[in-house]
Amino acid sequence: MLNKNADSLDIIISDLRLAGTLDGVQAIEKLQATLKNHVPGIILTGDTSPDRLKYIEEAGLSVIHKPVKSDSLAEILNETFRKDLH
């Protein structure tokens, strides 16, 4: 699916906690490495641990806390796209 849609992919949004061996940060990093162009990422999480938030920030990803409200999601999407343009 990624190979067929890579050119139209604008953003990757993932929960921090995923089933399996990867977390959301690792999954986004793996997808970004596979893509030929940089695609920004956002992590959704209910985790407020300073260590976890620092981990997300150091990966260069935006974070939004659950429960997600539509206006908060719109704001973080706008911020992420503005950052990515610069």
N, C-alpha and C. Protein backbone atom coordinates (compact mmCIF):
# COMPACT_ATOMS: atom_id res chain seq x y z
N MET A 1 0.82 -1.19 0.00
CA MET A 1 0.00 0.00 0.00
C MET A 1 0.87 1.25 0.00
N LEU A 2 1.94 1.25 0.78
CA LEU A 2 2.83 2.40 0.83
C LEU A 2 3.45 2.68 -0.53
N ASN A 3 3.91 1.64 -1.19
CA ASN A 3 4.54 1.83 -2.50
C ASN A 3 3.57 2.42 -3.52
N LYS A 4 2.31 2.03 -3.47
CA LYS A 4 1.32 2.53 -4.41
C LYS A 4 0.91 3.96 -4.13
N ASN A 5 1.01 4.41 -2.86
CA ASN A 5 0.50 5.72 -2.47
C ASN A 5 1.57 6.68 -1.95
N ALA A 6 2.82 6.36 -2.11
CA ALA A 6 3.91 7.17 -1.54
C ALA A 6 3.89 8.60 -2.03
N ASP A 7 3.56 8.83 -3.28
CA ASP A 7 3.56 10.19 -3.82
C ASP A 7 2.45 11.06 -3.27
N SER A 8 1.38 10.45 -2.80
CA SER A 8 0.25 11.23 -2.29
C SER A 8 0.20 11.27 -0.76
N LEU A 9 1.22 10.75 -0.11
CA LEU A 9 1.28 10.73 1.35
C LEU A 9 1.78 12.07 1.86
N ASP A 10 0.95 12.77 2.67
CA ASP A 10 1.30 14.09 3.17
C ASP A 10 1.76 14.09 4.62
N ILE A 11 1.28 13.13 5.39
CA ILE A 11 1.58 13.10 6.82
C ILE A 11 1.36 11.68 7.33
N ILE A 12 2.09 11.34 8.39
CA ILE A 12 1.91 10.04 9.04
C ILE A 12 1.46 10.32 10.47
N ILE A 13 0.34 9.76 10.86
CA ILE A 13 -0.17 9.90 12.22
C ILE A 13 -0.21 8.51 12.84
N SER A 14 0.38 8.39 14.03
CA SER A 14 0.42 7.10 14.69
C SER A 14 0.21 7.25 16.19
N ASP A 15 -0.40 6.26 16.78
CA ASP A 15 -0.45 6.17 18.23
C ASP A 15 0.96 5.85 18.70
N LEU A 16 1.31 6.26 19.90
CA LEU A 16 2.62 5.93 20.44
C LEU A 16 2.74 4.44 20.71
N ARG A 17 1.71 3.89 21.33
CA ARG A 17 1.74 2.46 21.69
C ARG A 17 1.08 1.65 20.58
N LEU A 18 1.86 0.74 20.02
CA LEU A 18 1.38 -0.12 18.96
C LEU A 18 1.56 -1.57 19.37
N ALA A 19 0.76 -2.43 18.79
CA ALA A 19 0.95 -3.87 19.01
C ALA A 19 2.22 -4.27 18.28
N GLY A 20 2.90 -5.25 18.79
CA GLY A 20 4.11 -5.72 18.13
C GLY A 20 5.36 -5.12 18.75
N THR A 21 6.42 -5.11 17.97
CA THR A 21 7.72 -4.72 18.51
C THR A 21 8.05 -3.25 18.36
N LEU A 22 7.38 -2.54 17.46
CA LEU A 22 7.67 -1.12 17.24
C LEU A 22 6.70 -0.24 18.00
N ASP A 23 7.18 0.92 18.44
CA ASP A 23 6.25 1.94 18.94
C ASP A 23 5.98 2.90 17.78
N GLY A 24 5.13 3.88 17.99
CA GLY A 24 4.75 4.79 16.92
C GLY A 24 5.91 5.60 16.37
N VAL A 25 6.82 6.02 17.24
CA VAL A 25 7.99 6.77 16.79
C VAL A 25 8.82 5.91 15.84
N GLN A 26 9.08 4.69 16.24
CA GLN A 26 9.87 3.78 15.41
C GLN A 26 9.15 3.47 14.10
N ALA A 27 7.84 3.30 14.15
CA ALA A 27 7.08 3.00 12.94
C ALA A 27 7.14 4.18 11.97
N ILE A 28 6.99 5.40 12.48
CA ILE A 28 7.07 6.58 11.61
C ILE A 28 8.47 6.70 11.03
N GLU A 29 9.50 6.51 11.85
CA GLU A 29 10.87 6.58 11.34
C GLU A 29 11.12 5.55 10.25
N LYS A 30 10.58 4.36 10.42
CA LYS A 30 10.75 3.31 9.42
C LYS A 30 10.04 3.69 8.12
N LEU A 31 8.83 4.23 8.22
CA LEU A 31 8.10 4.67 7.03
C LEU A 31 8.84 5.81 6.34
N GLN A 32 9.32 6.78 7.13
CA GLN A 32 10.05 7.91 6.55
C GLN A 32 11.30 7.44 5.82
N ALA A 33 11.99 6.46 6.35
CA ALA A 33 13.20 5.93 5.72
C ALA A 33 12.87 5.23 4.40
N THR A 34 11.69 4.65 4.32
CA THR A 34 11.26 3.94 3.12
C THR A 34 10.87 4.90 2.01
N LEU A 35 10.32 6.05 2.40
CA LEU A 35 9.85 7.03 1.42
C LEU A 35 11.02 7.81 0.83
N LYS A 36 10.85 8.27 -0.39
CA LYS A 36 11.91 9.04 -1.04
C LYS A 36 11.91 10.50 -0.61
N ASN A 37 10.78 11.01 -0.15
CA ASN A 37 10.71 12.40 0.30
C ASN A 37 10.31 12.42 1.77
N HIS A 38 10.65 13.50 2.45
CA HIS A 38 10.33 13.60 3.87
C HIS A 38 8.83 13.79 4.06
N VAL A 39 8.25 12.99 4.92
CA VAL A 39 6.84 13.11 5.28
C VAL A 39 6.80 13.36 6.78
N PRO A 40 6.17 14.47 7.21
CA PRO A 40 6.13 14.76 8.64
C PRO A 40 5.26 13.75 9.38
N GLY A 41 5.51 13.65 10.69
CA GLY A 41 4.76 12.70 11.51
C GLY A 41 4.22 13.32 12.78
N ILE A 42 3.12 12.77 13.23
CA ILE A 42 2.47 13.18 14.47
C ILE A 42 2.22 11.93 15.30
N ILE A 43 2.52 12.03 16.58
CA ILE A 43 2.25 10.94 17.52
C ILE A 43 1.04 11.30 18.37
N LEU A 44 0.10 10.38 18.47
CA LEU A 44 -1.04 10.51 19.37
C LEU A 44 -0.72 9.71 20.62
N THR A 45 -0.96 10.29 21.78
CA THR A 45 -0.68 9.56 23.01
C THR A 45 -1.44 10.13 24.19
N GLY A 46 -1.70 9.27 25.13
CA GLY A 46 -2.24 9.69 26.41
C GLY A 46 -1.14 9.80 27.45
N ASP A 47 0.07 9.42 27.06
CA ASP A 47 1.23 9.42 27.94
C ASP A 47 1.73 10.85 28.15
N THR A 48 1.92 11.25 29.38
CA THR A 48 2.42 12.59 29.69
C THR A 48 3.79 12.54 30.37
N SER A 49 4.41 11.38 30.38
CA SER A 49 5.72 11.22 30.98
C SER A 49 6.73 12.14 30.28
N PRO A 50 7.46 12.95 31.04
CA PRO A 50 8.46 13.83 30.42
C PRO A 50 9.47 13.07 29.55
N ASP A 51 9.86 11.88 29.97
CA ASP A 51 10.81 11.08 29.19
C ASP A 51 10.22 10.68 27.84
N ARG A 52 8.95 10.28 27.84
CA ARG A 52 8.30 9.86 26.59
C ARG A 52 8.11 11.06 25.66
N LEU A 53 7.72 12.20 26.23
CA LEU A 53 7.52 13.40 25.42
C LEU A 53 8.85 13.88 24.83
N LYS A 54 9.93 13.78 25.60
CA LYS A 54 11.25 14.14 25.10
C LYS A 54 11.67 13.20 23.97
N TYR A 55 11.38 11.92 24.13
CA TYR A 55 11.68 10.92 23.10
C TYR A 55 10.99 11.27 21.78
N ILE A 56 9.73 11.66 21.86
CA ILE A 56 8.97 12.04 20.67
C ILE A 56 9.56 13.31 20.05
N GLU A 57 9.83 14.30 20.89
CA GLU A 57 10.38 15.57 20.42
C GLU A 57 11.75 15.37 19.77
N GLU A 58 12.60 14.55 20.37
CA GLU A 58 13.94 14.30 19.82
C GLU A 58 13.87 13.60 18.46
N ALA A 59 12.77 12.90 18.21
CA ALA A 59 12.59 12.25 16.91
C ALA A 59 12.09 13.25 15.86
N GLY A 60 11.83 14.49 16.28
CA GLY A 60 11.36 15.51 15.35
C GLY A 60 9.90 15.40 15.01
N LEU A 61 9.14 14.74 15.88
CA LEU A 61 7.72 14.54 15.62
C LEU A 61 6.87 15.45 16.49
N SER A 62 5.72 15.81 15.99
CA SER A 62 4.74 16.55 16.77
C SER A 62 3.97 15.56 17.64
N VAL A 63 3.37 16.07 18.71
CA VAL A 63 2.60 15.20 19.60
C VAL A 63 1.26 15.84 19.88
N ILE A 64 0.25 15.02 19.94
CA ILE A 64 -1.08 15.47 20.35
C ILE A 64 -1.60 14.47 21.37
N HIS A 65 -2.19 15.00 22.43
CA HIS A 65 -2.64 14.15 23.52
C HIS A 65 -4.09 13.74 23.35
N LYS A 66 -4.35 12.51 23.75
CA LYS A 66 -5.71 11.97 23.72
C LYS A 66 -6.46 12.43 24.98
N PRO A 67 -7.73 12.57 24.92
CA PRO A 67 -8.59 12.43 23.74
C PRO A 67 -8.37 13.61 22.79
N VAL A 68 -8.40 13.32 21.51
CA VAL A 68 -8.12 14.31 20.48
C VAL A 68 -9.41 15.05 20.11
N LYS A 69 -9.33 16.37 20.18
CA LYS A 69 -10.45 17.21 19.75
C LYS A 69 -10.14 17.71 18.34
N SER A 70 -11.17 17.89 17.54
CA SER A 70 -10.97 18.25 16.13
C SER A 70 -10.20 19.56 15.98
N ASP A 71 -10.47 20.56 16.83
CA ASP A 71 -9.76 21.83 16.70
C ASP A 71 -8.28 21.66 17.06
N SER A 72 -7.98 20.82 18.04
CA SER A 72 -6.59 20.55 18.40
C SER A 72 -5.86 19.82 17.27
N LEU A 73 -6.54 18.87 16.65
CA LEU A 73 -5.95 18.15 15.53
C LEU A 73 -5.69 19.09 14.37
N ALA A 74 -6.65 19.96 14.06
CA ALA A 74 -6.48 20.92 12.96
C ALA A 74 -5.29 21.84 13.24
N GLU A 75 -5.15 22.28 14.48
CA GLU A 75 -4.05 23.16 14.84
C GLU A 75 -2.69 22.47 14.68
N ILE A 76 -2.59 21.24 15.17
CA ILE A 76 -1.31 20.52 15.08
C ILE A 76 -0.98 20.17 13.63
N LEU A 77 -1.99 19.88 12.82
CA LEU A 77 -1.75 19.63 11.39
C LEU A 77 -1.21 20.89 10.73
N ASN A 78 -1.82 22.03 11.00
CA ASN A 78 -1.35 23.29 10.43
C ASN A 78 0.07 23.60 10.87
N GLU A 79 0.36 23.44 12.16
CA GLU A 79 1.72 23.68 12.67
C GLU A 79 2.73 22.76 12.02
N THR A 80 2.37 21.50 11.89
CA THR A 80 3.28 20.51 11.31
C THR A 80 3.59 20.84 9.86
N PHE A 81 2.57 21.19 9.09
CA PHE A 81 2.81 21.53 7.68
C PHE A 81 3.59 22.82 7.54
N ARG A 82 3.35 23.81 8.42
CA ARG A 82 4.13 25.06 8.37
C ARG A 82 5.60 24.77 8.68
N LYS A 83 5.87 23.96 9.71
CA LYS A 83 7.25 23.61 10.06
C LYS A 83 7.93 22.89 8.90
N ASP A 84 7.19 22.01 8.26
CA ASP A 84 7.77 21.19 7.20
C ASP A 84 8.09 22.02 5.95
N LEU A 85 7.41 23.14 5.77
CA LEU A 85 7.66 23.99 4.60
C LEU A 85 8.93 24.82 4.77
N HIS A 86 9.39 24.99 6.00
CA HIS A 86 10.57 25.83 6.25
C HIS A 86 11.82 25.01 6.34
